[in-house]
Amino acid sequence: MAQKRHLNNNISLVQLRPEDAEEMFPGLSDAKAYQFIPDIPPDTPETLRERYQMLASGGPPDAHEIWLNWVIRYGSNKVAAGYTQATITGKDALIGYHVFPAFWRKGIGSEAVTQTLENIFDRKDVTTARAFVDTRNTGSISLLEKLGFFRANTLENADFFKGQQSNEYEYILKKEIYLRHRHQKTL
């Protein structure tokens, strides 16, 4: 198989393991990263490890979903900079990503999501990637649009968290559009 060309060779995705909880805990404890998502920082490394044991299982036993989870590794020492994930159901992959605030504005999110898309679109059965983003999260909106996603829907009152109503955009990227976009960038 040909070597994939990445924009930033200092970034790699490594399959998430329960043992990663200790290293991921400090980055996931930064409250700044939770402004636009209903999640809260994990309580302890032990509770995070338990969550990672479940996520590393690959999905529920009925096999209607496949869970893919990666740690974003950055720099020559490959420190944890966040994570990406994809939940595959049929031909759709719902993606998510979380870059630790200490690593914002370095192109890490864009490259990590690009590698996530490569992983899911390498699967013959996946034809569509989806992402949901809070309408106030301009950083994530820019990232998705830069990668070729288009805004397909606005979900009013999608969630209520941290004392506020949240609206969300649904973004979609078709495999053929992604492949064409990727091909144009390599020319």
N, C-alpha and C. Protein backbone atom coordinates (compact mmCIF):
# COMPACT_ATOMS: atom_id res chain seq x y z
N MET A 1 0.84 -1.18 0.00
CA MET A 1 0.00 0.00 0.00
C MET A 1 0.89 1.24 0.00
N ALA A 2 0.52 2.23 -0.77
CA ALA A 2 1.31 3.46 -0.88
C ALA A 2 1.29 4.24 0.42
N GLN A 3 2.38 4.91 0.70
CA GLN A 3 2.47 5.77 1.89
C GLN A 3 1.53 6.96 1.71
N LYS A 4 0.72 7.23 2.71
CA LYS A 4 -0.19 8.37 2.64
C LYS A 4 0.56 9.64 2.98
N ARG A 5 0.31 10.68 2.19
CA ARG A 5 0.95 11.97 2.41
C ARG A 5 0.14 12.77 3.42
N HIS A 6 0.78 13.19 4.49
CA HIS A 6 0.10 13.97 5.51
C HIS A 6 0.65 15.38 5.52
N LEU A 7 -0.23 16.32 5.84
CA LEU A 7 0.15 17.72 5.87
C LEU A 7 1.19 17.99 6.95
N ASN A 8 1.07 17.32 8.05
CA ASN A 8 1.95 17.55 9.19
C ASN A 8 2.47 16.20 9.66
N ASN A 9 3.71 15.89 9.36
CA ASN A 9 4.28 14.60 9.73
C ASN A 9 4.48 14.44 11.22
N ASN A 10 4.26 15.50 11.99
CA ASN A 10 4.39 15.41 13.44
C ASN A 10 3.12 14.91 14.11
N ILE A 11 2.11 14.55 13.34
CA ILE A 11 0.84 14.10 13.89
C ILE A 11 0.56 12.68 13.42
N SER A 12 0.14 11.85 14.37
CA SER A 12 -0.30 10.50 14.02
C SER A 12 -1.49 10.13 14.89
N LEU A 13 -2.29 9.23 14.39
CA LEU A 13 -3.41 8.70 15.16
C LEU A 13 -3.04 7.29 15.61
N VAL A 14 -3.24 7.03 16.89
CA VAL A 14 -2.92 5.73 17.46
C VAL A 14 -4.19 5.21 18.14
N GLN A 15 -4.52 3.95 17.88
CA GLN A 15 -5.73 3.39 18.45
C GLN A 15 -5.76 3.59 19.96
N LEU A 16 -6.90 4.07 20.46
CA LEU A 16 -7.10 4.34 21.88
C LEU A 16 -7.07 3.04 22.68
N ARG A 17 -6.36 3.08 23.81
CA ARG A 17 -6.29 1.94 24.73
C ARG A 17 -6.62 2.42 26.14
N PRO A 18 -7.12 1.55 27.01
CA PRO A 18 -7.38 1.96 28.39
C PRO A 18 -6.14 2.54 29.07
N GLU A 19 -4.96 2.06 28.70
CA GLU A 19 -3.72 2.55 29.31
C GLU A 19 -3.44 4.01 28.99
N ASP A 20 -4.13 4.57 28.00
CA ASP A 20 -3.92 5.97 27.63
C ASP A 20 -4.59 6.95 28.59
N ALA A 21 -5.44 6.46 29.47
CA ALA A 21 -6.22 7.33 30.35
C ALA A 21 -5.35 8.25 31.19
N GLU A 22 -4.29 7.73 31.75
CA GLU A 22 -3.42 8.52 32.63
C GLU A 22 -2.83 9.72 31.88
N GLU A 23 -2.36 9.48 30.66
CA GLU A 23 -1.75 10.56 29.88
C GLU A 23 -2.80 11.53 29.34
N MET A 24 -3.99 11.03 29.02
CA MET A 24 -5.04 11.88 28.44
C MET A 24 -5.74 12.73 29.50
N PHE A 25 -5.73 12.29 30.73
CA PHE A 25 -6.49 12.96 31.80
C PHE A 25 -6.16 14.45 31.94
N PRO A 26 -4.89 14.87 32.02
CA PRO A 26 -4.63 16.31 32.19
C PRO A 26 -5.19 17.16 31.05
N GLY A 27 -5.03 16.72 29.81
CA GLY A 27 -5.56 17.48 28.68
C GLY A 27 -7.07 17.54 28.66
N LEU A 28 -7.70 16.45 29.05
CA LEU A 28 -9.16 16.40 29.10
C LEU A 28 -9.72 17.15 30.31
N SER A 29 -8.87 17.52 31.24
CA SER A 29 -9.31 18.25 32.44
C SER A 29 -9.37 19.75 32.23
N ASP A 30 -8.93 20.24 31.08
CA ASP A 30 -8.94 21.68 30.80
C ASP A 30 -10.35 22.12 30.43
N ALA A 31 -11.00 22.85 31.33
CA ALA A 31 -12.40 23.25 31.15
C ALA A 31 -12.63 24.12 29.92
N LYS A 32 -11.59 24.79 29.40
CA LYS A 32 -11.76 25.66 28.21
C LYS A 32 -12.29 24.87 27.01
N ALA A 33 -11.99 23.58 26.95
CA ALA A 33 -12.36 22.78 25.79
C ALA A 33 -13.83 22.35 25.81
N TYR A 34 -14.57 22.70 26.85
CA TYR A 34 -15.94 22.22 26.99
C TYR A 34 -16.98 23.31 26.81
N GLN A 35 -16.59 24.44 26.26
CA GLN A 35 -17.50 25.56 26.09
C GLN A 35 -18.68 25.23 25.17
N PHE A 36 -18.43 24.47 24.10
CA PHE A 36 -19.45 24.23 23.09
C PHE A 36 -19.94 22.79 23.05
N ILE A 37 -19.61 21.99 24.06
CA ILE A 37 -20.07 20.61 24.10
C ILE A 37 -20.67 20.32 25.48
N PRO A 38 -21.66 19.41 25.55
CA PRO A 38 -22.31 19.15 26.83
C PRO A 38 -21.47 18.31 27.79
N ASP A 39 -20.38 17.75 27.32
CA ASP A 39 -19.52 16.94 28.19
C ASP A 39 -18.88 17.80 29.27
N ILE A 40 -18.38 17.14 30.28
CA ILE A 40 -17.61 17.78 31.33
C ILE A 40 -16.30 17.02 31.48
N PRO A 41 -15.28 17.65 32.07
CA PRO A 41 -14.01 16.95 32.25
C PRO A 41 -14.20 15.67 33.09
N PRO A 42 -13.38 14.66 32.83
CA PRO A 42 -13.49 13.42 33.60
C PRO A 42 -13.15 13.66 35.08
N ASP A 43 -13.75 12.86 35.95
CA ASP A 43 -13.53 13.00 37.39
C ASP A 43 -12.12 12.57 37.81
N THR A 44 -11.72 11.41 37.34
CA THR A 44 -10.43 10.82 37.74
C THR A 44 -9.85 10.05 36.57
N PRO A 45 -8.55 9.78 36.60
CA PRO A 45 -7.98 8.89 35.58
C PRO A 45 -8.64 7.51 35.58
N GLU A 46 -9.07 7.05 36.73
CA GLU A 46 -9.69 5.72 36.83
C GLU A 46 -11.03 5.67 36.09
N THR A 47 -11.86 6.72 36.25
CA THR A 47 -13.14 6.74 35.53
C THR A 47 -12.90 6.87 34.02
N LEU A 48 -11.86 7.59 33.65
CA LEU A 48 -11.51 7.71 32.23
C LEU A 48 -11.06 6.36 31.69
N ARG A 49 -10.27 5.63 32.46
CA ARG A 49 -9.82 4.30 32.05
C ARG A 49 -11.02 3.37 31.83
N GLU A 50 -12.00 3.44 32.70
CA GLU A 50 -13.21 2.61 32.55
C GLU A 50 -13.94 2.96 31.25
N ARG A 51 -14.04 4.24 30.96
CA ARG A 51 -14.67 4.67 29.70
C ARG A 51 -13.87 4.16 28.50
N TYR A 52 -12.56 4.25 28.59
CA TYR A 52 -11.72 3.78 27.49
C TYR A 52 -11.81 2.27 27.30
N GLN A 53 -12.02 1.53 28.37
CA GLN A 53 -12.21 0.08 28.22
C GLN A 53 -13.45 -0.20 27.38
N MET A 54 -14.52 0.56 27.63
CA MET A 54 -15.74 0.40 26.86
C MET A 54 -15.51 0.81 25.40
N LEU A 55 -14.88 1.98 25.19
CA LEU A 55 -14.66 2.47 23.82
C LEU A 55 -13.73 1.54 23.03
N ALA A 56 -12.74 0.98 23.69
CA ALA A 56 -11.77 0.10 23.02
C ALA A 56 -12.39 -1.23 22.61
N SER A 57 -13.59 -1.52 23.11
CA SER A 57 -14.25 -2.78 22.76
C SER A 57 -14.66 -2.83 21.29
N GLY A 58 -14.75 -1.66 20.65
CA GLY A 58 -15.09 -1.62 19.22
C GLY A 58 -16.56 -1.44 18.92
N GLY A 59 -17.39 -1.49 19.95
CA GLY A 59 -18.82 -1.29 19.73
C GLY A 59 -19.66 -2.30 20.47
N PRO A 60 -20.98 -2.09 20.43
CA PRO A 60 -21.88 -3.02 21.14
C PRO A 60 -21.85 -4.40 20.50
N PRO A 61 -22.17 -5.43 21.28
CA PRO A 61 -22.09 -6.80 20.77
C PRO A 61 -23.00 -7.09 19.58
N ASP A 62 -24.07 -6.31 19.38
CA ASP A 62 -24.98 -6.58 18.27
C ASP A 62 -24.39 -6.18 16.91
N ALA A 63 -23.22 -5.51 16.92
CA ALA A 63 -22.48 -5.15 15.70
C ALA A 63 -23.24 -4.21 14.77
N HIS A 64 -24.24 -3.49 15.29
CA HIS A 64 -24.92 -2.49 14.47
C HIS A 64 -24.10 -1.21 14.35
N GLU A 65 -23.14 -1.06 15.26
CA GLU A 65 -22.23 0.08 15.22
C GLU A 65 -20.81 -0.43 15.38
N ILE A 66 -19.90 0.31 14.77
CA ILE A 66 -18.47 0.06 14.97
C ILE A 66 -17.90 1.34 15.52
N TRP A 67 -17.19 1.22 16.65
CA TRP A 67 -16.57 2.38 17.28
C TRP A 67 -15.10 2.40 16.98
N LEU A 68 -14.64 3.49 16.42
CA LEU A 68 -13.22 3.69 16.15
C LEU A 68 -12.76 4.90 16.94
N ASN A 69 -11.72 4.75 17.72
CA ASN A 69 -11.23 5.82 18.60
C ASN A 69 -9.71 5.87 18.53
N TRP A 70 -9.19 7.09 18.35
CA TRP A 70 -7.74 7.27 18.24
C TRP A 70 -7.26 8.39 19.14
N VAL A 71 -6.07 8.22 19.67
CA VAL A 71 -5.37 9.30 20.37
C VAL A 71 -4.59 10.07 19.32
N ILE A 72 -4.67 11.40 19.36
CA ILE A 72 -3.85 12.23 18.48
C ILE A 72 -2.48 12.35 19.14
N ARG A 73 -1.45 11.90 18.45
CA ARG A 73 -0.08 12.00 18.95
C ARG A 73 0.63 13.10 18.17
N TYR A 74 1.39 13.94 18.91
CA TYR A 74 1.99 15.11 18.30
C TYR A 74 3.46 15.26 18.68
N GLY A 75 4.26 15.71 17.71
CA GLY A 75 5.66 16.04 17.95
C GLY A 75 6.57 14.83 17.92
N SER A 76 7.84 15.09 18.07
CA SER A 76 8.83 14.01 18.01
C SER A 76 8.69 13.05 19.19
N ASN A 77 8.17 13.54 20.31
CA ASN A 77 7.98 12.66 21.47
C ASN A 77 6.56 12.08 21.54
N LYS A 78 5.73 12.39 20.53
CA LYS A 78 4.40 11.80 20.36
C LYS A 78 3.51 11.94 21.60
N VAL A 79 3.45 13.15 22.13
CA VAL A 79 2.58 13.41 23.29
C VAL A 79 1.12 13.40 22.85
N ALA A 80 0.24 13.07 23.78
CA ALA A 80 -1.19 13.08 23.51
C ALA A 80 -1.66 14.53 23.38
N ALA A 81 -2.34 14.83 22.26
CA ALA A 81 -2.84 16.19 22.00
C ALA A 81 -4.35 16.22 21.88
N GLY A 82 -5.01 15.07 22.05
CA GLY A 82 -6.46 15.00 21.94
C GLY A 82 -6.87 13.65 21.40
N TYR A 83 -8.07 13.60 20.82
CA TYR A 83 -8.54 12.35 20.23
C TYR A 83 -9.47 12.63 19.07
N THR A 84 -9.65 11.61 18.24
CA THR A 84 -10.69 11.63 17.21
C THR A 84 -11.46 10.32 17.35
N GLN A 85 -12.66 10.32 16.80
CA GLN A 85 -13.47 9.12 16.88
C GLN A 85 -14.43 9.07 15.71
N ALA A 86 -14.89 7.87 15.41
CA ALA A 86 -15.91 7.66 14.39
C ALA A 86 -16.81 6.52 14.84
N THR A 87 -18.10 6.73 14.70
CA THR A 87 -19.08 5.68 14.94
C THR A 87 -19.68 5.34 13.59
N ILE A 88 -19.45 4.11 13.16
CA ILE A 88 -19.91 3.69 11.84
C ILE A 88 -21.19 2.89 12.00
N THR A 89 -22.20 3.34 11.28
CA THR A 89 -23.50 2.66 11.24
C THR A 89 -23.87 2.54 9.77
N GLY A 90 -23.84 1.34 9.26
CA GLY A 90 -24.13 1.14 7.84
C GLY A 90 -23.11 1.87 6.98
N LYS A 91 -23.59 2.78 6.13
CA LYS A 91 -22.71 3.52 5.22
C LYS A 91 -22.28 4.87 5.77
N ASP A 92 -22.76 5.21 6.97
CA ASP A 92 -22.46 6.51 7.58
C ASP A 92 -21.42 6.38 8.69
N ALA A 93 -20.60 7.41 8.80
CA ALA A 93 -19.66 7.52 9.91
C ALA A 93 -19.88 8.88 10.57
N LEU A 94 -20.23 8.86 11.84
CA LEU A 94 -20.37 10.08 12.62
C LEU A 94 -19.02 10.32 13.28
N ILE A 95 -18.40 11.46 12.96
CA ILE A 95 -17.08 11.73 13.51
C ILE A 95 -17.14 12.76 14.62
N GLY A 96 -16.13 12.71 15.47
CA GLY A 96 -15.96 13.69 16.52
C GLY A 96 -14.47 13.87 16.77
N TYR A 97 -14.12 14.97 17.39
CA TYR A 97 -12.71 15.25 17.68
C TYR A 97 -12.62 16.20 18.85
N HIS A 98 -11.51 16.13 19.55
CA HIS A 98 -11.28 16.97 20.72
C HIS A 98 -9.77 17.22 20.78
N VAL A 99 -9.37 18.45 20.54
CA VAL A 99 -7.96 18.82 20.64
C VAL A 99 -7.78 19.59 21.94
N PHE A 100 -6.79 19.21 22.72
CA PHE A 100 -6.55 19.88 24.00
C PHE A 100 -6.20 21.34 23.74
N PRO A 101 -6.72 22.27 24.55
CA PRO A 101 -6.47 23.70 24.34
C PRO A 101 -5.00 24.07 24.22
N ALA A 102 -4.11 23.37 24.89
CA ALA A 102 -2.68 23.67 24.78
C ALA A 102 -2.15 23.47 23.35
N PHE A 103 -2.92 22.77 22.51
CA PHE A 103 -2.49 22.46 21.15
C PHE A 103 -3.34 23.14 20.09
N TRP A 104 -4.21 24.05 20.49
CA TRP A 104 -5.06 24.76 19.52
C TRP A 104 -4.21 25.65 18.61
N ARG A 105 -4.71 25.90 17.42
CA ARG A 105 -4.14 26.83 16.44
C ARG A 105 -2.78 26.38 15.90
N LYS A 106 -2.59 25.07 15.82
CA LYS A 106 -1.33 24.53 15.28
C LYS A 106 -1.58 23.63 14.07
N GLY A 107 -2.83 23.56 13.63
CA GLY A 107 -3.17 22.69 12.50
C GLY A 107 -3.36 21.23 12.90
N ILE A 108 -3.31 20.95 14.18
CA ILE A 108 -3.42 19.57 14.66
C ILE A 108 -4.82 19.01 14.40
N GLY A 109 -5.84 19.79 14.70
CA GLY A 109 -7.21 19.32 14.49
C GLY A 109 -7.48 19.00 13.04
N SER A 110 -7.08 19.88 12.15
CA SER A 110 -7.30 19.68 10.72
C SER A 110 -6.61 18.41 10.23
N GLU A 111 -5.36 18.23 10.61
CA GLU A 111 -4.62 17.04 10.17
C GLU A 111 -5.18 15.78 10.81
N ALA A 112 -5.55 15.85 12.08
CA ALA A 112 -6.10 14.66 12.75
C ALA A 112 -7.44 14.25 12.14
N VAL A 113 -8.29 15.22 11.81
CA VAL A 113 -9.57 14.89 11.18
C VAL A 113 -9.33 14.37 9.76
N THR A 114 -8.35 14.91 9.06
CA THR A 114 -8.00 14.39 7.74
C THR A 114 -7.60 12.92 7.83
N GLN A 115 -6.77 12.59 8.80
CA GLN A 115 -6.36 11.19 8.97
C GLN A 115 -7.54 10.31 9.38
N THR A 116 -8.45 10.85 10.17
CA THR A 116 -9.65 10.11 10.55
C THR A 116 -10.49 9.82 9.31
N LEU A 117 -10.66 10.83 8.46
CA LEU A 117 -11.41 10.63 7.21
C LEU A 117 -10.75 9.58 6.33
N GLU A 118 -9.43 9.61 6.23
CA GLU A 118 -8.73 8.60 5.45
C GLU A 118 -9.02 7.20 5.99
N ASN A 119 -9.00 7.07 7.30
CA ASN A 119 -9.27 5.76 7.92
C ASN A 119 -10.69 5.29 7.63
N ILE A 120 -11.67 6.17 7.74
CA ILE A 120 -13.04 5.70 7.54
C ILE A 120 -13.37 5.53 6.06
N PHE A 121 -12.84 6.41 5.20
CA PHE A 121 -13.13 6.27 3.78
C PHE A 121 -12.31 5.18 3.10
N ASP A 122 -11.31 4.64 3.78
CA ASP A 122 -10.61 3.46 3.28
C ASP A 122 -11.49 2.22 3.38
N ARG A 123 -12.52 2.30 4.19
CA ARG A 123 -13.48 1.20 4.32
C ARG A 123 -14.43 1.26 3.13
N LYS A 124 -14.60 0.17 2.45
CA LYS A 124 -15.45 0.15 1.25
C LYS A 124 -16.90 0.50 1.55
N ASP A 125 -17.38 0.15 2.75
CA ASP A 125 -18.79 0.33 3.06
C ASP A 125 -19.16 1.76 3.44
N VAL A 126 -18.22 2.60 3.83
CA VAL A 126 -18.54 3.96 4.30
C VAL A 126 -18.55 4.93 3.12
N THR A 127 -19.69 5.62 2.95
CA THR A 127 -19.82 6.58 1.84
C THR A 127 -20.03 8.01 2.32
N THR A 128 -20.35 8.18 3.62
CA THR A 128 -20.69 9.51 4.13
C THR A 128 -20.11 9.71 5.52
N ALA A 129 -19.51 10.88 5.73
CA ALA A 129 -19.07 11.28 7.07
C ALA A 129 -19.97 12.42 7.51
N ARG A 130 -20.34 12.40 8.78
CA ARG A 130 -21.18 13.45 9.36
C ARG A 130 -20.51 13.99 10.61
N ALA A 131 -20.79 15.25 10.90
CA ALA A 131 -20.33 15.86 12.14
C ALA A 131 -21.38 16.87 12.58
N PHE A 132 -21.54 17.00 13.87
CA PHE A 132 -22.44 17.99 14.43
C PHE A 132 -21.60 18.96 15.23
N VAL A 133 -21.89 20.26 15.08
CA VAL A 133 -21.09 21.28 15.76
C VAL A 133 -22.01 22.39 16.25
N ASP A 134 -21.74 22.87 17.45
CA ASP A 134 -22.48 23.99 18.01
C ASP A 134 -22.31 25.19 17.08
N THR A 135 -23.39 25.91 16.82
CA THR A 135 -23.35 27.03 15.87
C THR A 135 -22.42 28.15 16.32
N ARG A 136 -22.03 28.17 17.60
CA ARG A 136 -21.12 29.21 18.12
C ARG A 136 -19.65 28.81 17.99
N ASN A 137 -19.39 27.57 17.63
CA ASN A 137 -18.02 27.06 17.60
C ASN A 137 -17.37 27.35 16.25
N THR A 138 -16.93 28.58 16.08
CA THR A 138 -16.39 29.01 14.78
C THR A 138 -15.12 28.25 14.38
N GLY A 139 -14.33 27.82 15.36
CA GLY A 139 -13.12 27.06 15.04
C GLY A 139 -13.45 25.73 14.38
N SER A 140 -14.39 24.99 14.95
CA SER A 140 -14.78 23.70 14.36
C SER A 140 -15.51 23.88 13.04
N ILE A 141 -16.31 24.91 12.94
CA ILE A 141 -17.01 25.19 11.67
C ILE A 141 -15.99 25.42 10.57
N SER A 142 -14.99 26.24 10.84
CA SER A 142 -13.94 26.51 9.84
C SER A 142 -13.19 25.25 9.47
N LEU A 143 -12.87 24.43 10.46
CA LEU A 143 -12.14 23.19 10.20
C LEU A 143 -12.93 22.29 9.27
N LEU A 144 -14.20 22.07 9.56
CA LEU A 144 -15.01 21.18 8.74
C LEU A 144 -15.16 21.72 7.32
N GLU A 145 -15.41 23.01 7.19
CA GLU A 145 -15.59 23.58 5.85
C GLU A 145 -14.29 23.53 5.05
N LYS A 146 -13.16 23.73 5.72
CA LYS A 146 -11.86 23.64 5.05
C LYS A 146 -11.63 22.24 4.47
N LEU A 147 -12.15 21.23 5.16
CA LEU A 147 -11.96 19.84 4.73
C LEU A 147 -13.00 19.39 3.71
N GLY A 148 -13.91 20.29 3.31
CA GLY A 148 -14.87 19.96 2.27
C GLY A 148 -16.26 19.59 2.75
N PHE A 149 -16.50 19.59 4.05
CA PHE A 149 -17.84 19.32 4.56
C PHE A 149 -18.78 20.46 4.14
N PHE A 150 -20.05 20.13 3.93
CA PHE A 150 -21.03 21.18 3.67
C PHE A 150 -22.10 21.14 4.76
N ARG A 151 -22.62 22.31 5.06
CA ARG A 151 -23.65 22.45 6.08
C ARG A 151 -24.96 21.97 5.49
N ALA A 152 -25.50 20.90 6.05
CA ALA A 152 -26.70 20.28 5.51
C ALA A 152 -27.96 20.65 6.28
N ASN A 153 -27.80 21.04 7.54
CA ASN A 153 -28.98 21.23 8.36
C ASN A 153 -28.63 22.08 9.58
N THR A 154 -29.61 22.79 10.08
CA THR A 154 -29.48 23.50 11.36
C THR A 154 -30.51 22.91 12.31
N LEU A 155 -30.03 22.47 13.46
CA LEU A 155 -30.90 21.88 14.47
C LEU A 155 -31.10 22.90 15.59
N GLU A 156 -32.27 23.52 15.60
CA GLU A 156 -32.60 24.50 16.63
C GLU A 156 -32.83 23.77 17.95
N ASN A 157 -32.35 24.35 19.04
CA ASN A 157 -32.53 23.78 20.37
C ASN A 157 -32.10 22.32 20.43
N ALA A 158 -30.96 22.03 19.84
CA ALA A 158 -30.45 20.66 19.79
C ALA A 158 -30.09 20.13 21.16
N ASP A 159 -29.67 21.00 22.04
CA ASP A 159 -29.23 20.57 23.37
C ASP A 159 -29.38 21.73 24.35
N PHE A 160 -29.35 21.42 25.62
CA PHE A 160 -29.33 22.43 26.66
C PHE A 160 -28.25 22.03 27.64
N PHE A 161 -27.24 22.88 27.79
CA PHE A 161 -26.16 22.58 28.72
C PHE A 161 -25.51 23.88 29.18
N LYS A 162 -24.94 23.81 30.36
CA LYS A 162 -24.25 24.96 30.98
C LYS A 162 -25.16 26.19 31.00
N GLY A 163 -26.46 25.95 31.24
CA GLY A 163 -27.41 27.03 31.39
C GLY A 163 -27.86 27.70 30.11
N GLN A 164 -27.50 27.13 28.95
CA GLN A 164 -27.87 27.75 27.67
C GLN A 164 -28.42 26.72 26.69
N GLN A 165 -29.30 27.21 25.85
CA GLN A 165 -29.79 26.41 24.73
C GLN A 165 -28.69 26.37 23.67
N SER A 166 -28.52 25.24 23.04
CA SER A 166 -27.50 25.08 22.00
C SER A 166 -28.17 24.72 20.68
N ASN A 167 -27.80 25.43 19.64
CA ASN A 167 -28.19 25.06 18.28
C ASN A 167 -26.98 24.39 17.64
N GLU A 168 -27.24 23.48 16.71
CA GLU A 168 -26.14 22.76 16.06
C GLU A 168 -26.31 22.78 14.55
N TYR A 169 -25.17 22.74 13.89
CA TYR A 169 -25.15 22.50 12.45
C TYR A 169 -24.79 21.04 12.23
N GLU A 170 -25.45 20.45 11.25
CA GLU A 170 -25.06 19.13 10.79
C GLU A 170 -24.23 19.33 9.52
N TYR A 171 -23.04 18.78 9.52
CA TYR A 171 -22.16 18.84 8.36
C TYR A 171 -22.04 17.45 7.76
N ILE A 172 -21.98 17.41 6.43
CA ILE A 172 -21.87 16.14 5.70
C ILE A 172 -20.73 16.23 4.70
N LEU A 173 -20.04 15.12 4.54
CA LEU A 173 -19.00 15.00 3.52
C LEU A 173 -19.17 13.65 2.85
N LYS A 174 -19.43 13.67 1.55
CA LYS A 174 -19.54 12.43 0.77
C LYS A 174 -18.15 11.96 0.38
N LYS A 175 -17.99 10.66 0.34
CA LYS A 175 -16.68 10.06 0.03
C LYS A 175 -16.13 10.57 -1.30
N GLU A 176 -16.96 10.64 -2.33
CA GLU A 176 -16.46 11.07 -3.64
C GLU A 176 -15.99 12.53 -3.61
N ILE A 177 -16.65 13.37 -2.83
CA ILE A 177 -16.23 14.77 -2.69
C ILE A 177 -14.90 14.83 -1.95
N TYR A 178 -14.78 14.04 -0.88
CA TYR A 178 -13.53 14.01 -0.12
C TYR A 178 -12.37 13.56 -1.01
N LEU A 179 -12.57 12.49 -1.77
CA LEU A 179 -11.50 11.98 -2.63
C LEU A 179 -11.11 13.01 -3.69
N ARG A 180 -12.08 13.70 -4.26
CA ARG A 180 -11.79 14.75 -5.24
C ARG A 180 -11.04 15.91 -4.59
N HIS A 181 -11.48 16.33 -3.40
CA HIS A 181 -10.84 17.42 -2.66
C HIS A 181 -9.40 17.03 -2.32
N ARG A 182 -9.19 15.81 -1.87
CA ARG A 182 -7.85 15.33 -1.53
C ARG A 182 -6.95 15.27 -2.76
N HIS A 183 -7.53 14.81 -3.89
CA HIS A 183 -6.75 14.73 -5.13
C HIS A 183 -6.31 16.12 -5.58
N GLN A 184 -7.18 17.10 -5.47
CA GLN A 184 -6.84 18.47 -5.89
C GLN A 184 -5.71 19.04 -5.04
N LYS A 185 -5.68 18.69 -3.76
CA LYS A 185 -4.63 19.20 -2.88
C LYS A 185 -3.27 18.59 -3.17
N THR A 186 -3.25 17.38 -3.76
CA THR A 186 -1.98 16.73 -4.04
C THR A 186 -1.41 17.11 -5.40
N LEU A 187 -2.19 17.82 -6.20
CA LEU A 187 -1.69 18.23 -7.52
C LEU A 187 -0.71 19.36 -7.43
